[in-house]
Amino acid sequence: MNDTEGKKPLKTEAIIITPVKDSLDTVRLTLEAISKAKGNFEYFIYNDFSKKETKNYLEEHQSAFGYNLIHLEDITNHPSPNYKTVLKLARNKAVEASIPLIIVESDVIVKRDTISELIKLSRRLTKPGLIGSITTDTEGHYNFPYASEKKLDKGISETRRSLSFCCTLISTEFMKVYDFSELSGKKDWFDIYISRQSRKSGFKNYLIRRLPVVHLPHSSRPWKQLKYTNPIRYYFYKLIKKRDRI
């Protein structure tokens, strides 16, 4: 996506990625929102062995929404989720271009200025490692994973808590000193671990309350809703079947 005025092309300021595993209803909303977002960025969709319906949709709408589509089945035989592979590939692209990496997950709806503001903040804040937008429901209330946050202000705060990758920028400087190839192959998700590595590497993590995004939790992993409706079955999936290893 480029906010280009005149004939001179603008320099790409960030790489955005969205890992996709089905959840087509929310994926549509995510893609539409990012296609309308301000900023000069390159957008990559990593399709993680989605079903045929989702795969076809992503292929058919690539030109309309302006993203680069990567099918992980062309890269690896490892079963989904393949978040480690996605992070490594995206990190390498961002470091090579010396620009930040922004993760927007497939159940998140950004606002028109979300991306451009995250990029600006990455230049203004003191030694940022991760910069995360707070998440809300469709009515504007903080929700998972930030439901415990208090509405003390609508500003910016440095935080020692782990930032979710719902909508989060990872700074170029941090990615240059931390190689994602070190991520454990025994885990599925890495937001907690990478948040800690950022602080251990001397960087600061920031939570942005004045830049909320809508989050539709667990849309790509509907079995996680069992935590609230059938906890026994939920923990069967999580512990016995080793789903969602963090």
C-alpha atoms as a PDB file:
ATOM      1  CA  MET A   1       0.000   0.000   0.000  1.00  0.00           C
ATOM      2  CA  ASN A   2       1.410   3.396  -0.904  1.00  0.00           C
ATOM      3  CA  ASP A   3       0.198   6.877  -0.171  1.00  0.00           C
ATOM      4  CA  THR A   4       2.028   8.214  -3.202  1.00  0.00           C
ATOM      5  CA  GLU A   5       1.615  11.779  -4.367  1.00  0.00           C
ATOM      6  CA  GLY A   6       3.071  12.842  -7.676  1.00  0.00           C
ATOM      7  CA  LYS A   7       5.423  10.665  -9.697  1.00  0.00           C
ATOM      8  CA  LYS A   8       8.231  10.141  -7.191  1.00  0.00           C
ATOM      9  CA  PRO A   9       7.755   6.824  -5.325  1.00  0.00           C
ATOM     10  CA  LEU A  10       7.957   6.937  -1.558  1.00  0.00           C
ATOM     11  CA  LYS A  11      10.380   4.767   0.360  1.00  0.00           C
ATOM     12  CA  THR A  12       8.849   1.679   1.964  1.00  0.00           C
ATOM     13  CA  GLU A  13       8.715   2.368   5.706  1.00  0.00           C
ATOM     14  CA  ALA A  14       7.656  -1.012   7.112  1.00  0.00           C
ATOM     15  CA  ILE A  15       6.831  -4.597   6.313  1.00  0.00           C
ATOM     16  CA  ILE A  16       3.447  -5.831   7.522  1.00  0.00           C
ATOM     17  CA  ILE A  17       2.589  -9.503   7.875  1.00  0.00           C
ATOM     18  CA  THR A  18      -0.572 -11.438   8.614  1.00  0.00           C
ATOM     19  CA  PRO A  19      -0.330 -15.180   9.239  1.00  0.00           C
ATOM     20  CA  VAL A  20      -3.574 -16.805   8.047  1.00  0.00           C
ATOM     21  CA  LYS A  21      -5.084 -20.102   9.108  1.00  0.00           C
ATOM     22  CA  ASP A  22      -8.659 -20.135   7.816  1.00  0.00           C
ATOM     23  CA  SER A  23     -10.999 -17.881   9.891  1.00  0.00           C
ATOM     24  CA  LEU A  24     -12.133 -16.418   6.574  1.00  0.00           C
ATOM     25  CA  ASP A  25     -14.811 -14.151   8.064  1.00  0.00           C
ATOM     26  CA  THR A  26     -12.251 -12.195  10.091  1.00  0.00           C
ATOM     27  CA  VAL A  27      -9.528 -12.420   7.452  1.00  0.00           C
ATOM     28  CA  ARG A  28     -11.756 -10.460   5.080  1.00  0.00           C
ATOM     29  CA  LEU A  29     -12.100  -7.673   7.653  1.00  0.00           C
ATOM     30  CA  THR A  30      -8.374  -7.610   8.362  1.00  0.00           C
ATOM     31  CA  LEU A  31      -7.433  -7.374   4.690  1.00  0.00           C
ATOM     32  CA  GLU A  32      -9.996  -4.692   3.931  1.00  0.00           C
ATOM     33  CA  ALA A  33      -8.833  -2.547   6.855  1.00  0.00           C
ATOM     34  CA  ILE A  34      -5.155  -2.785   5.942  1.00  0.00           C
ATOM     35  CA  SER A  35      -5.908  -2.017   2.294  1.00  0.00           C
ATOM     36  CA  LYS A  36      -7.370   1.311   3.468  1.00  0.00           C
ATOM     37  CA  ALA A  37      -4.609   2.112   5.963  1.00  0.00           C
ATOM     38  CA  LYS A  38      -2.366   5.136   5.571  1.00  0.00           C
ATOM     39  CA  GLY A  39       1.360   4.618   5.191  1.00  0.00           C
ATOM     40  CA  ASN A  40       3.933   3.351   2.746  1.00  0.00           C
ATOM     41  CA  PHE A  41       4.455  -0.332   3.455  1.00  0.00           C
ATOM     42  CA  GLU A  42       4.764  -3.747   1.879  1.00  0.00           C
ATOM     43  CA  TYR A  43       2.208  -6.325   2.968  1.00  0.00           C
ATOM     44  CA  PHE A  44       2.714 -10.105   3.133  1.00  0.00           C
ATOM     45  CA  ILE A  45       0.106 -12.788   3.799  1.00  0.00           C
ATOM     46  CA  TYR A  46       1.491 -16.125   5.024  1.00  0.00           C
ATOM     47  CA  ASN A  47      -1.109 -18.795   4.360  1.00  0.00           C
ATOM     48  CA  ASP A  48      -0.483 -21.573   6.879  1.00  0.00           C
ATOM     49  CA  PHE A  49      -2.091 -24.636   5.262  1.00  0.00           C
ATOM     50  CA  SER A  50      -5.580 -23.140   5.199  1.00  0.00           C
ATOM     51  CA  LYS A  51      -8.502 -24.995   3.676  1.00  0.00           C
ATOM     52  CA  LYS A  52      -9.259 -24.657  -0.038  1.00  0.00           C
ATOM     53  CA  GLU A  53     -11.928 -21.989   0.469  1.00  0.00           C
ATOM     54  CA  THR A  54      -9.523 -19.679   2.291  1.00  0.00           C
ATOM     55  CA  LYS A  55      -6.660 -20.389  -0.097  1.00  0.00           C
ATOM     56  CA  ASN A  56      -8.829 -19.605  -3.115  1.00  0.00           C
ATOM     57  CA  TYR A  57     -10.068 -16.372  -1.543  1.00  0.00           C
ATOM     58  CA  LEU A  58      -6.524 -15.209  -0.826  1.00  0.00           C
ATOM     59  CA  GLU A  59      -5.423 -15.940  -4.385  1.00  0.00           C
ATOM     60  CA  GLU A  60      -8.459 -14.257  -5.936  1.00  0.00           C
ATOM     61  CA  HIS A  61      -8.188 -11.063  -3.871  1.00  0.00           C
ATOM     62  CA  GLN A  62      -4.428 -10.552  -3.969  1.00  0.00           C
ATOM     63  CA  SER A  63      -4.567  -7.820  -6.614  1.00  0.00           C
ATOM     64  CA  ALA A  64      -7.585  -6.073  -5.103  1.00  0.00           C
ATOM     65  CA  PHE A  65      -6.041  -5.769  -1.644  1.00  0.00           C
ATOM     66  CA  GLY A  66      -2.438  -5.396  -2.792  1.00  0.00           C
ATOM     67  CA  TYR A  67      -0.602  -7.989  -0.720  1.00  0.00           C
ATOM     68  CA  ASN A  68       2.117 -10.511  -1.452  1.00  0.00           C
ATOM     69  CA  LEU A  69       0.803 -14.037  -0.908  1.00  0.00           C
ATOM     70  CA  ILE A  70       3.048 -16.808   0.393  1.00  0.00           C
ATOM     71  CA  HIS A  71       1.726 -20.345   0.785  1.00  0.00           C
ATOM     72  CA  LEU A  72       3.735 -22.043   3.507  1.00  0.00           C
ATOM     73  CA  GLU A  73       2.984 -25.409   1.920  1.00  0.00           C
ATOM     74  CA  ASP A  74       5.460 -24.344  -0.789  1.00  0.00           C
ATOM     75  CA  ILE A  75       8.160 -23.800   1.842  1.00  0.00           C
ATOM     76  CA  THR A  76       7.704 -26.425   4.557  1.00  0.00           C
ATOM     77  CA  ASN A  77       6.052 -29.756   5.294  1.00  0.00           C
ATOM     78  CA  HIS A  78       5.803 -28.885   8.978  1.00  0.00           C
ATOM     79  CA  PRO A  79       2.164 -28.918  10.127  1.00  0.00           C
ATOM     80  CA  SER A  80       0.445 -25.708  11.162  1.00  0.00           C
ATOM     81  CA  PRO A  81       1.022 -23.546  13.182  1.00  0.00           C
ATOM     82  CA  ASN A  82       4.242 -22.301  11.591  1.00  0.00           C
ATOM     83  CA  TYR A  83       4.690 -19.017  13.418  1.00  0.00           C
ATOM     84  CA  LYS A  84       8.442 -19.556  13.855  1.00  0.00           C
ATOM     85  CA  THR A  85       8.919 -19.939  10.106  1.00  0.00           C
ATOM     86  CA  VAL A  86       6.803 -16.868   9.411  1.00  0.00           C
ATOM     87  CA  LEU A  87       8.719 -14.743  11.910  1.00  0.00           C
ATOM     88  CA  LYS A  88      12.095 -15.829  10.546  1.00  0.00           C
ATOM     89  CA  LEU A  89      11.136 -15.099   6.943  1.00  0.00           C
ATOM     90  CA  ALA A  90       9.559 -11.745   7.760  1.00  0.00           C
ATOM     91  CA  ARG A  91      12.384 -10.708  10.068  1.00  0.00           C
ATOM     92  CA  ASN A  92      14.934 -11.357   7.315  1.00  0.00           C
ATOM     93  CA  LYS A  93      12.975  -9.208   4.848  1.00  0.00           C
ATOM     94  CA  ALA A  94      12.696  -6.364   7.357  1.00  0.00           C
ATOM     95  CA  VAL A  95      16.338  -6.448   8.422  1.00  0.00           C
ATOM     96  CA  GLU A  96      17.533  -6.565   4.819  1.00  0.00           C
ATOM     97  CA  ALA A  97      15.465  -3.453   4.073  1.00  0.00           C
ATOM     98  CA  SER A  98      16.367  -1.894   7.462  1.00  0.00           C
ATOM     99  CA  ILE A  99      12.713  -1.176   8.292  1.00  0.00           C
ATOM    100  CA  PRO A 100      10.368  -2.253  11.121  1.00  0.00           C
ATOM    101  CA  LEU A 101       8.193  -5.345  11.044  1.00  0.00           C
ATOM    102  CA  ILE A 102       4.504  -4.971  11.961  1.00  0.00           C
ATOM    103  CA  ILE A 103       2.406  -8.030  12.782  1.00  0.00           C
ATOM    104  CA  VAL A 104      -1.351  -7.718  12.315  1.00  0.00           C
ATOM    105  CA  GLU A 105      -3.092 -10.968  13.092  1.00  0.00           C
ATOM    106  CA  SER A 106      -6.022 -12.325  11.106  1.00  0.00           C
ATOM    107  CA  ASP A 107      -8.617 -11.458  13.759  1.00  0.00           C
ATOM    108  CA  VAL A 108      -7.619  -7.794  14.116  1.00  0.00           C
ATOM    109  CA  ILE A 109      -9.128  -4.722  12.454  1.00  0.00           C
ATOM    110  CA  VAL A 110      -6.823  -1.716  12.280  1.00  0.00           C
ATOM    111  CA  LYS A 111      -7.914   1.882  11.837  1.00  0.00           C
ATOM    112  CA  ARG A 112      -6.858   4.060   8.948  1.00  0.00           C
ATOM    113  CA  ASP A 113      -4.023   5.693  10.891  1.00  0.00           C
ATOM    114  CA  THR A 114      -2.849   2.675  12.940  1.00  0.00           C
ATOM    115  CA  ILE A 115       0.048   1.684  10.694  1.00  0.00           C
ATOM    116  CA  SER A 116       1.346   5.184  10.001  1.00  0.00           C
ATOM    117  CA  GLU A 117       1.212   6.091  13.701  1.00  0.00           C
ATOM    118  CA  LEU A 118       3.081   2.952  14.745  1.00  0.00           C
ATOM    119  CA  ILE A 119       5.810   3.797  12.245  1.00  0.00           C
ATOM    120  CA  LYS A 120       6.057   7.367  13.573  1.00  0.00           C
ATOM    121  CA  LEU A 121       6.238   6.129  17.160  1.00  0.00           C
ATOM    122  CA  SER A 122       9.058   3.739  16.288  1.00  0.00           C
ATOM    123  CA  ARG A 123      11.128   6.810  15.401  1.00  0.00           C
ATOM    124  CA  ARG A 124      10.116   8.970  18.360  1.00  0.00           C
ATOM    125  CA  LEU A 125      10.123   6.622  21.342  1.00  0.00           C
ATOM    126  CA  THR A 126      13.267   5.895  23.312  1.00  0.00           C
ATOM    127  CA  LYS A 127      14.938   2.645  22.218  1.00  0.00           C
ATOM    128  CA  PRO A 128      11.768   0.715  21.334  1.00  0.00           C
ATOM    129  CA  GLY A 129      11.881  -3.045  20.992  1.00  0.00           C
ATOM    130  CA  LEU A 130       8.165  -3.756  20.654  1.00  0.00           C
ATOM    131  CA  ILE A 131       5.298  -1.280  20.265  1.00  0.00           C
ATOM    132  CA  GLY A 132       1.816  -2.744  20.671  1.00  0.00           C
ATOM    133  CA  SER A 133      -1.615  -1.288  20.031  1.00  0.00           C
ATOM    134  CA  ILE A 134      -4.126  -2.024  22.763  1.00  0.00           C
ATOM    135  CA  THR A 135      -7.051  -4.226  21.733  1.00  0.00           C
ATOM    136  CA  THR A 136     -10.775  -3.609  22.170  1.00  0.00           C
ATOM    137  CA  ASP A 137     -14.059  -5.247  21.322  1.00  0.00           C
ATOM    138  CA  THR A 138     -16.402  -3.683  18.770  1.00  0.00           C
ATOM    139  CA  GLU A 139     -17.820  -1.408  21.485  1.00  0.00           C
ATOM    140  CA  GLY A 140     -14.445   0.004  22.454  1.00  0.00           C
ATOM    141  CA  HIS A 141     -13.862  -1.928  25.688  1.00  0.00           C
ATOM    142  CA  TYR A 142     -10.422  -3.392  26.325  1.00  0.00           C
ATOM    143  CA  ASN A 143     -10.493  -7.127  25.674  1.00  0.00           C
ATOM    144  CA  PHE A 144      -8.215 -10.165  25.434  1.00  0.00           C
ATOM    145  CA  PRO A 145      -5.276 -10.030  25.847  1.00  0.00           C
ATOM    146  CA  TYR A 146      -5.428  -6.593  27.480  1.00  0.00           C
ATOM    147  CA  ALA A 147      -8.706  -6.934  29.379  1.00  0.00           C
ATOM    148  CA  SER A 148      -6.912  -6.361  32.699  1.00  0.00           C
ATOM    149  CA  GLU A 149      -5.594  -2.959  31.640  1.00  0.00           C
ATOM    150  CA  LYS A 150      -7.166   0.011  33.399  1.00  0.00           C
ATOM    151  CA  LYS A 151      -8.300   3.033  31.427  1.00  0.00           C
ATOM    152  CA  LEU A 152      -6.085   5.470  33.294  1.00  0.00           C
ATOM    153  CA  ASP A 153      -5.331   7.433  30.163  1.00  0.00           C
ATOM    154  CA  LYS A 154      -5.256   7.189  26.403  1.00  0.00           C
ATOM    155  CA  GLY A 155      -1.549   7.688  26.111  1.00  0.00           C
ATOM    156  CA  ILE A 156       1.628   5.662  25.821  1.00  0.00           C
ATOM    157  CA  SER A 157       3.319   3.698  28.565  1.00  0.00           C
ATOM    158  CA  GLU A 158       6.449   1.619  28.810  1.00  0.00           C
ATOM    159  CA  THR A 159       5.479  -1.824  30.048  1.00  0.00           C
ATOM    160  CA  ARG A 160       7.167  -4.868  31.525  1.00  0.00           C
ATOM    161  CA  ARG A 161       4.215  -7.082  30.661  1.00  0.00           C
ATOM    162  CA  SER A 162       4.342  -9.217  27.557  1.00  0.00           C
ATOM    163  CA  LEU A 163       2.880  -7.647  24.446  1.00  0.00           C
ATOM    164  CA  SER A 164       0.581  -9.676  22.252  1.00  0.00           C
ATOM    165  CA  PHE A 165       1.306  -9.853  18.536  1.00  0.00           C
ATOM    166  CA  CYS A 166      -2.299  -8.844  17.715  1.00  0.00           C
ATOM    167  CA  CYS A 167      -1.039  -5.568  16.282  1.00  0.00           C
ATOM    168  CA  THR A 168       2.580  -4.959  17.211  1.00  0.00           C
ATOM    169  CA  LEU A 169       5.630  -3.330  15.669  1.00  0.00           C
ATOM    170  CA  ILE A 170       9.056  -4.927  16.149  1.00  0.00           C
ATOM    171  CA  SER A 171      11.842  -2.396  15.735  1.00  0.00           C
ATOM    172  CA  THR A 172      14.648  -2.727  13.229  1.00  0.00           C
ATOM    173  CA  GLU A 173      17.285  -2.213  15.911  1.00  0.00           C
ATOM    174  CA  PHE A 174      15.985  -5.070  18.060  1.00  0.00           C
ATOM    175  CA  MET A 175      15.710  -7.450  15.100  1.00  0.00           C
ATOM    176  CA  LYS A 176      19.301  -6.687  14.165  1.00  0.00           C
ATOM    177  CA  VAL A 177      20.584  -7.866  17.551  1.00  0.00           C
ATOM    178  CA  TYR A 178      18.178 -10.780  18.050  1.00  0.00           C
ATOM    179  CA  ASP A 179      18.078 -13.596  15.515  1.00  0.00           C
ATOM    180  CA  PHE A 180      14.658 -15.268  15.351  1.00  0.00           C
ATOM    181  CA  SER A 181      16.299 -18.528  14.280  1.00  0.00           C
ATOM    182  CA  GLU A 182      16.949 -19.068  17.990  1.00  0.00           C
ATOM    183  CA  LEU A 183      13.220 -19.459  18.673  1.00  0.00           C
ATOM    184  CA  SER A 184      12.281 -22.852  20.095  1.00  0.00           C
ATOM    185  CA  GLY A 185      10.792 -25.440  17.790  1.00  0.00           C
ATOM    186  CA  LYS A 186       8.812 -26.755  20.775  1.00  0.00           C
ATOM    187  CA  LYS A 187       6.616 -23.641  20.933  1.00  0.00           C
ATOM    188  CA  ASP A 188       3.738 -22.483  18.730  1.00  0.00           C
ATOM    189  CA  TRP A 189       3.552 -18.800  19.748  1.00  0.00           C
ATOM    190  CA  PHE A 190       6.357 -16.426  20.645  1.00  0.00           C
ATOM    191  CA  ASP A 191       4.940 -13.064  21.763  1.00  0.00           C
ATOM    192  CA  ILE A 192       5.735 -13.668  25.454  1.00  0.00           C
ATOM    193  CA  TYR A 193       9.246 -14.932  24.722  1.00  0.00           C
ATOM    194  CA  ILE A 194      10.127 -12.166  22.254  1.00  0.00           C
ATOM    195  CA  SER A 195       8.739  -9.517  24.623  1.00  0.00           C
ATOM    196  CA  ARG A 196      11.171 -10.770  27.280  1.00  0.00           C
ATOM    197  CA  GLN A 197      14.069 -10.971  24.847  1.00  0.00           C
ATOM    198  CA  SER A 198      13.467  -7.361  23.882  1.00  0.00           C
ATOM    199  CA  ARG A 199      13.892  -6.204  27.480  1.00  0.00           C
ATOM    200  CA  LYS A 200      16.842  -8.531  28.078  1.00  0.00           C
ATOM    201  CA  SER A 201      18.535  -6.999  25.039  1.00  0.00           C
ATOM    202  CA  GLY A 202      18.211  -3.518  26.560  1.00  0.00           C
ATOM    203  CA  PHE A 203      15.167  -2.323  24.637  1.00  0.00           C
ATOM    204  CA  LYS A 204      11.878  -0.929  25.919  1.00  0.00           C
ATOM    205  CA  ASN A 205       8.393  -2.237  25.152  1.00  0.00           C
ATOM    206  CA  TYR A 206       5.488   0.178  24.822  1.00  0.00           C
ATOM    207  CA  LEU A 207       1.724  -0.257  25.018  1.00  0.00           C
ATOM    208  CA  ILE A 208      -0.209   2.359  23.045  1.00  0.00           C
ATOM    209  CA  ARG A 209      -3.657   3.109  24.493  1.00  0.00           C
ATOM    210  CA  ARG A 210      -4.442   5.964  22.149  1.00  0.00           C
ATOM    211  CA  LEU A 211      -4.127   3.671  19.143  1.00  0.00           C
ATOM    212  CA  PRO A 212      -6.696   0.904  19.742  1.00  0.00           C
ATOM    213  CA  VAL A 213      -7.505  -1.859  17.284  1.00  0.00           C
ATOM    214  CA  VAL A 214     -10.534  -4.153  17.268  1.00  0.00           C
ATOM    215  CA  HIS A 215      -9.733  -7.739  18.225  1.00  0.00           C
ATOM    216  CA  LEU A 216     -12.084 -10.666  17.589  1.00  0.00           C
ATOM    217  CA  PRO A 217     -10.329 -13.192  19.868  1.00  0.00           C
ATOM    218  CA  HIS A 218      -9.669 -16.814  18.970  1.00  0.00           C
ATOM    219  CA  SER A 219     -11.376 -16.551  15.596  1.00  0.00           C
ATOM    220  CA  SER A 220      -8.623 -18.596  13.964  1.00  0.00           C
ATOM    221  CA  ARG A 221      -8.549 -21.048  16.886  1.00  0.00           C
ATOM    222  CA  PRO A 222     -12.214 -21.545  17.836  1.00  0.00           C
ATOM    223  CA  TRP A 223     -11.387 -24.452  20.139  1.00  0.00           C
ATOM    224  CA  LYS A 224      -9.942 -21.882  22.575  1.00  0.00           C
ATOM    225  CA  GLN A 225     -13.472 -20.640  23.270  1.00  0.00           C
ATOM    226  CA  LEU A 226     -13.882 -23.912  25.178  1.00  0.00           C
ATOM    227  CA  LYS A 227     -11.905 -22.291  27.989  1.00  0.00           C
ATOM    228  CA  TYR A 228     -15.084 -20.415  28.885  1.00  0.00           C
ATOM    229  CA  THR A 229     -17.725 -23.001  27.913  1.00  0.00           C
ATOM    230  CA  ASN A 230     -16.062 -26.383  28.540  1.00  0.00           C
ATOM    231  CA  PRO A 231     -12.794 -26.006  30.508  1.00  0.00           C
ATOM    232  CA  ILE A 232     -12.182 -29.751  30.771  1.00  0.00           C
ATOM    233  CA  ARG A 233     -12.251 -30.170  27.018  1.00  0.00           C
ATOM    234  CA  TYR A 234     -10.152 -27.014  26.595  1.00  0.00           C
ATOM    235  CA  TYR A 235      -7.354 -28.362  28.784  1.00  0.00           C
ATOM    236  CA  PHE A 236      -7.593 -31.707  27.001  1.00  0.00           C
ATOM    237  CA  TYR A 237      -6.702 -29.915  23.770  1.00  0.00           C
ATOM    238  CA  LYS A 238      -4.065 -27.741  25.401  1.00  0.00           C
ATOM    239  CA  LEU A 239      -2.296 -30.288  27.617  1.00  0.00           C
ATOM    240  CA  ILE A 240      -2.931 -33.696  26.075  1.00  0.00           C
ATOM    241  CA  LYS A 241      -2.891 -32.698  22.427  1.00  0.00           C
ATOM    242  CA  LYS A 242      -0.275 -30.003  23.111  1.00  0.00           C
ATOM    243  CA  ARG A 243      -2.146 -27.234  21.327  1.00  0.00           C
ATOM    244  CA  ASP A 244      -1.113 -23.615  21.718  1.00  0.00           C
ATOM    245  CA  ARG A 245       2.347 -24.117  23.201  1.00  0.00           C
ATOM    246  CA  ILE A 246       3.712 -20.807  24.502  1.00  0.00           C
END
